[in-house]
Amino acid sequence: METIEFIIGNISVIAQRTLEHVSMVGLAVSIAIVTGVSIGILIAQNKHLADRVLYVAAAIMTIPSIALFGILIPILGLIGHGIGYVPAVVALVLYAQLPIIRNTYTAIMNVDPALREAARGMGMTTFQRLREVELPIALPVIINGVRNAIILNIAVAAIATYIGAGGLGTFISRGISQTDIRQLLTGALAVSLLAIVVDCALLALQRALTSPGLRASS
């Protein structure tokens, strides 16, 4: 009951922290989509390169978030952004790479070779095949990778409060430091609810962008 009263009494602050959280995750994932999808398409042409890129991306995922923030602080401090929003976004971009690159690569590689041959027979260039045939078929799998990246980033962004990035993690950190269960529960519930809402929205988008033929075959 006390937690509910705390939420009602601080609804404007919660809204502000939610916007900060969404801002961090939204910018990071937008950058990660551009870089990750591009890298995924590129490495689909070279399996040896793909193995190396996926290995590096997986290695980054194994770095604890606090440690990664600690690594970025002195590096970005050289340009005056050692703490706060910038290192948080950079870390989130790095964490989002693996699911997006891996799903893009897998989706492109799993396109039926017969469809590629048919596209070649129609006189399509490599770029035209990619745009007209491969990407539309791969899109549902790519979006699934984006879903995974966003859910991961929503969770990691909660830890970014420890480097002054704000967001919903502020309630969690203050709840721990002040031994205030109300703030701790508020932060945890808000992060979980945000993840659920975003995931449901992206799932609906994934279904909408999946062609009827692919939905029927699956």
Protein backbone atom coordinates (compact mmCIF):
# COMPACT_ATOMS: atom_id res chain seq x y z
CA MET A 1 0.00 0.00 0.00
CA GLU A 2 2.85 2.38 0.82
CA THR A 3 4.42 1.66 -2.56
CA ILE A 4 1.17 2.52 -4.35
CA GLU A 5 0.92 5.78 -2.42
CA PHE A 6 4.54 6.56 -3.29
CA ILE A 7 3.87 5.92 -6.99
CA ILE A 8 0.77 8.13 -6.99
CA GLY A 9 2.58 10.91 -5.16
CA ASN A 10 5.57 10.83 -7.51
CA ILE A 11 3.88 10.09 -10.82
CA SER A 12 5.39 13.16 -12.51
CA VAL A 13 8.91 12.15 -11.45
CA ILE A 14 8.30 8.61 -12.65
CA ALA A 15 7.13 9.95 -16.01
CA GLN A 16 10.27 12.09 -16.29
CA ARG A 17 12.55 9.16 -15.43
CA THR A 18 10.68 6.97 -17.91
CA LEU A 19 11.29 9.51 -20.67
CA GLU A 20 15.00 9.57 -19.77
CA HIS A 21 15.06 5.77 -19.90
CA VAL A 22 13.24 5.60 -23.23
CA SER A 23 15.51 8.32 -24.64
CA MET A 24 18.67 6.37 -23.78
CA VAL A 25 17.37 3.05 -25.08
CA GLY A 26 15.71 4.58 -28.16
CA LEU A 27 18.84 6.40 -29.32
CA ALA A 28 21.11 3.43 -28.59
CA VAL A 29 18.90 0.93 -30.42
CA SER A 30 18.44 3.29 -33.38
CA ILE A 31 22.22 3.48 -33.79
CA ALA A 32 22.55 -0.26 -33.21
CA ILE A 33 19.97 -1.06 -35.89
CA VAL A 34 21.85 0.98 -38.50
CA THR A 35 25.23 -0.50 -37.59
CA GLY A 36 24.08 -4.01 -36.68
CA VAL A 37 21.93 -4.63 -39.75
CA SER A 38 24.64 -3.23 -42.02
CA ILE A 39 27.28 -5.45 -40.41
CA GLY A 40 24.97 -8.47 -40.54
CA ILE A 41 24.40 -7.99 -44.28
CA LEU A 42 28.12 -7.45 -44.90
CA ILE A 43 29.32 -10.56 -43.05
CA ALA A 44 26.72 -12.72 -44.80
CA GLN A 45 29.07 -12.55 -47.79
CA ASN A 46 32.03 -14.00 -45.86
CA LYS A 47 31.68 -16.80 -43.29
CA HIS A 48 35.23 -16.38 -41.96
CA LEU A 49 34.56 -12.69 -41.30
CA ALA A 50 31.16 -13.56 -39.81
CA ASP A 51 32.71 -15.91 -37.27
CA ARG A 52 35.16 -13.23 -36.13
CA VAL A 53 32.56 -10.46 -35.90
CA LEU A 54 30.08 -12.62 -34.00
CA TYR A 55 32.84 -13.71 -31.64
CA VAL A 56 33.75 -10.10 -30.84
CA ALA A 57 30.10 -9.14 -30.37
CA ALA A 58 29.57 -12.12 -28.06
CA ALA A 59 32.70 -11.21 -26.09
CA ILE A 60 31.34 -7.70 -25.50
CA MET A 61 28.12 -9.21 -24.15
CA THR A 62 30.10 -11.09 -21.51
CA ILE A 63 31.50 -7.86 -20.01
CA PRO A 64 29.50 -6.89 -16.89
CA SER A 65 27.69 -3.60 -17.42
CA ILE A 66 29.36 -1.90 -14.45
CA ALA A 67 32.77 -2.93 -15.80
CA LEU A 68 31.93 -1.64 -19.28
CA PHE A 69 30.79 1.69 -17.85
CA GLY A 70 34.07 1.81 -15.93
CA ILE A 71 36.06 1.20 -19.11
CA LEU A 72 34.19 3.91 -21.01
CA ILE A 73 34.53 6.59 -18.32
CA PRO A 74 38.28 7.32 -18.84
CA ILE A 75 38.02 6.87 -22.62
CA LEU A 76 35.09 9.26 -23.11
CA GLY A 77 36.48 11.49 -20.39
CA LEU A 78 39.09 12.57 -22.93
CA ILE A 79 36.32 14.38 -24.82
CA GLY A 80 34.55 15.63 -21.71
CA HIS A 81 31.82 12.97 -21.54
CA GLY A 82 33.17 10.52 -18.99
CA ILE A 83 29.93 10.17 -17.08
CA GLY A 84 26.25 10.68 -17.81
CA TYR A 85 24.19 10.17 -20.95
CA VAL A 86 26.94 9.62 -23.54
CA PRO A 87 28.78 6.65 -21.99
CA ALA A 88 25.42 5.07 -21.16
CA VAL A 89 24.30 5.27 -24.81
CA VAL A 90 27.66 3.99 -26.07
CA ALA A 91 27.47 0.99 -23.74
CA LEU A 92 23.89 0.24 -24.79
CA VAL A 93 24.86 0.40 -28.46
CA LEU A 94 27.63 -2.14 -27.84
CA TYR A 95 25.31 -4.48 -25.93
CA ALA A 96 22.66 -4.28 -28.67
CA GLN A 97 25.02 -5.35 -31.45
CA LEU A 98 25.05 -9.12 -30.94
CA PRO A 99 21.31 -9.91 -31.20
CA ILE A 100 20.86 -7.59 -34.18
CA ILE A 101 23.97 -8.71 -36.08
CA ARG A 102 23.33 -12.39 -35.35
CA ASN A 103 19.67 -12.30 -36.38
CA THR A 104 20.40 -10.29 -39.53
CA TYR A 105 23.19 -12.66 -40.53
CA THR A 106 21.11 -15.76 -39.79
CA ALA A 107 18.07 -14.41 -41.62
CA ILE A 108 20.02 -13.47 -44.74
CA MET A 109 21.85 -16.81 -44.80
CA ASN A 110 18.58 -18.75 -44.48
CA VAL A 111 16.93 -17.17 -47.50
CA ASP A 112 16.08 -19.94 -49.96
CA PRO A 113 18.87 -20.09 -52.61
CA ALA A 114 16.20 -20.81 -55.22
CA LEU A 115 14.73 -17.38 -54.62
CA ARG A 116 18.13 -15.79 -55.17
CA GLU A 117 18.56 -17.70 -58.41
CA ALA A 118 15.09 -16.62 -59.55
CA ALA A 119 15.99 -13.01 -58.78
CA ARG A 120 19.22 -13.34 -60.77
CA GLY A 121 17.27 -14.84 -63.63
CA MET A 122 15.04 -11.76 -63.63
CA GLY A 123 18.14 -9.60 -64.08
CA MET A 124 18.23 -8.12 -60.57
CA THR A 125 21.49 -6.67 -59.30
CA THR A 126 22.92 -7.67 -55.91
CA PHE A 127 21.45 -4.57 -54.28
CA GLN A 128 18.07 -5.15 -55.91
CA ARG A 129 18.02 -8.76 -54.68
CA LEU A 130 18.84 -7.58 -51.21
CA ARG A 131 16.18 -4.89 -51.21
CA GLU A 132 13.40 -6.70 -53.04
CA VAL A 133 13.89 -10.33 -52.00
CA GLU A 134 16.26 -10.99 -49.11
CA LEU A 135 15.43 -8.19 -46.66
CA PRO A 136 11.62 -8.56 -46.88
CA ILE A 137 11.98 -12.27 -46.11
CA ALA A 138 14.56 -11.65 -43.37
CA LEU A 139 12.67 -8.75 -41.77
CA PRO A 140 10.68 -10.75 -39.15
CA VAL A 141 13.87 -12.39 -37.85
CA ILE A 142 15.70 -9.06 -37.82
CA ILE A 143 12.87 -7.45 -35.84
CA ASN A 144 13.05 -10.32 -33.38
CA GLY A 145 16.72 -9.48 -32.87
CA VAL A 146 15.78 -5.83 -32.31
CA ARG A 147 13.19 -6.96 -29.72
CA ASN A 148 15.86 -8.88 -27.85
CA ALA A 149 18.25 -5.93 -28.02
CA ILE A 150 15.66 -3.49 -26.68
CA ILE A 151 14.64 -5.71 -23.76
CA LEU A 152 18.30 -6.19 -22.88
CA ASN A 153 18.95 -2.45 -23.11
CA ILE A 154 15.98 -1.55 -20.94
CA ALA A 155 17.46 -3.72 -18.19
CA VAL A 156 21.04 -2.51 -18.63
CA ALA A 157 19.94 1.14 -18.76
CA ALA A 158 18.67 0.78 -15.20
CA ILE A 159 22.29 0.31 -14.10
CA ALA A 160 23.42 3.41 -16.01
CA THR A 161 22.07 5.55 -13.17
CA TYR A 162 25.30 4.76 -11.31
CA ILE A 163 27.23 6.88 -13.83
CA GLY A 164 24.74 9.74 -13.67
CA ALA A 165 22.65 8.85 -16.73
CA GLY A 166 19.31 9.05 -14.89
CA GLY A 167 16.41 6.86 -15.96
CA LEU A 168 14.26 4.51 -13.93
CA GLY A 169 17.31 2.98 -12.30
CA THR A 170 17.43 6.09 -10.11
CA PHE A 171 14.61 4.71 -8.00
CA ILE A 172 16.38 1.38 -7.64
CA SER A 173 19.72 2.90 -6.63
CA ARG A 174 18.09 5.26 -4.14
CA GLY A 175 15.95 2.46 -2.79
CA ILE A 176 19.07 0.41 -2.12
CA SER A 177 21.15 3.25 -0.64
CA GLN A 178 18.30 4.56 1.53
CA THR A 179 16.88 1.12 2.35
CA ASP A 180 13.55 2.34 0.97
CA ILE A 181 11.51 -0.57 -0.35
CA ARG A 182 9.00 1.84 -1.93
CA GLN A 183 11.54 3.34 -4.30
CA LEU A 184 13.10 -0.05 -5.00
CA LEU A 185 9.77 -1.62 -5.95
CA THR A 186 8.75 1.45 -7.95
CA GLY A 187 11.90 1.27 -10.06
CA ALA A 188 11.67 -2.50 -10.55
CA LEU A 189 7.98 -2.39 -11.49
CA ALA A 190 8.48 0.54 -13.87
CA VAL A 191 11.38 -1.15 -15.68
CA SER A 192 9.46 -4.43 -15.96
CA LEU A 193 6.29 -2.73 -17.20
CA LEU A 194 8.24 -0.71 -19.77
CA ALA A 195 9.90 -3.88 -21.07
CA ILE A 196 6.57 -5.70 -21.35
CA VAL A 197 4.84 -2.83 -23.16
CA VAL A 198 7.69 -2.36 -25.63
CA ASP A 199 7.99 -6.09 -26.27
CA CYS A 200 4.26 -6.42 -26.99
CA ALA A 201 4.38 -3.43 -29.33
CA LEU A 202 7.34 -4.85 -31.26
CA LEU A 203 5.72 -8.28 -31.43
CA ALA A 204 2.66 -6.69 -33.05
CA LEU A 205 4.94 -4.81 -35.46
CA GLN A 206 6.78 -8.02 -36.30
CA ARG A 207 3.53 -9.78 -37.14
CA ALA A 208 2.30 -6.83 -39.20
CA LEU A 209 5.51 -6.73 -41.27
CA THR A 210 5.57 -10.48 -41.88
CA SER A 211 4.17 -11.24 -45.31
CA PRO A 212 0.98 -13.40 -45.41
CA GLY A 213 2.89 -16.13 -47.23
CA LEU A 214 5.52 -16.39 -44.51
CA ARG A 215 2.85 -16.34 -41.77
CA ALA A 216 1.02 -19.19 -43.50
CA SER A 217 4.16 -21.29 -43.92
CA SER A 218 5.16 -20.80 -40.27
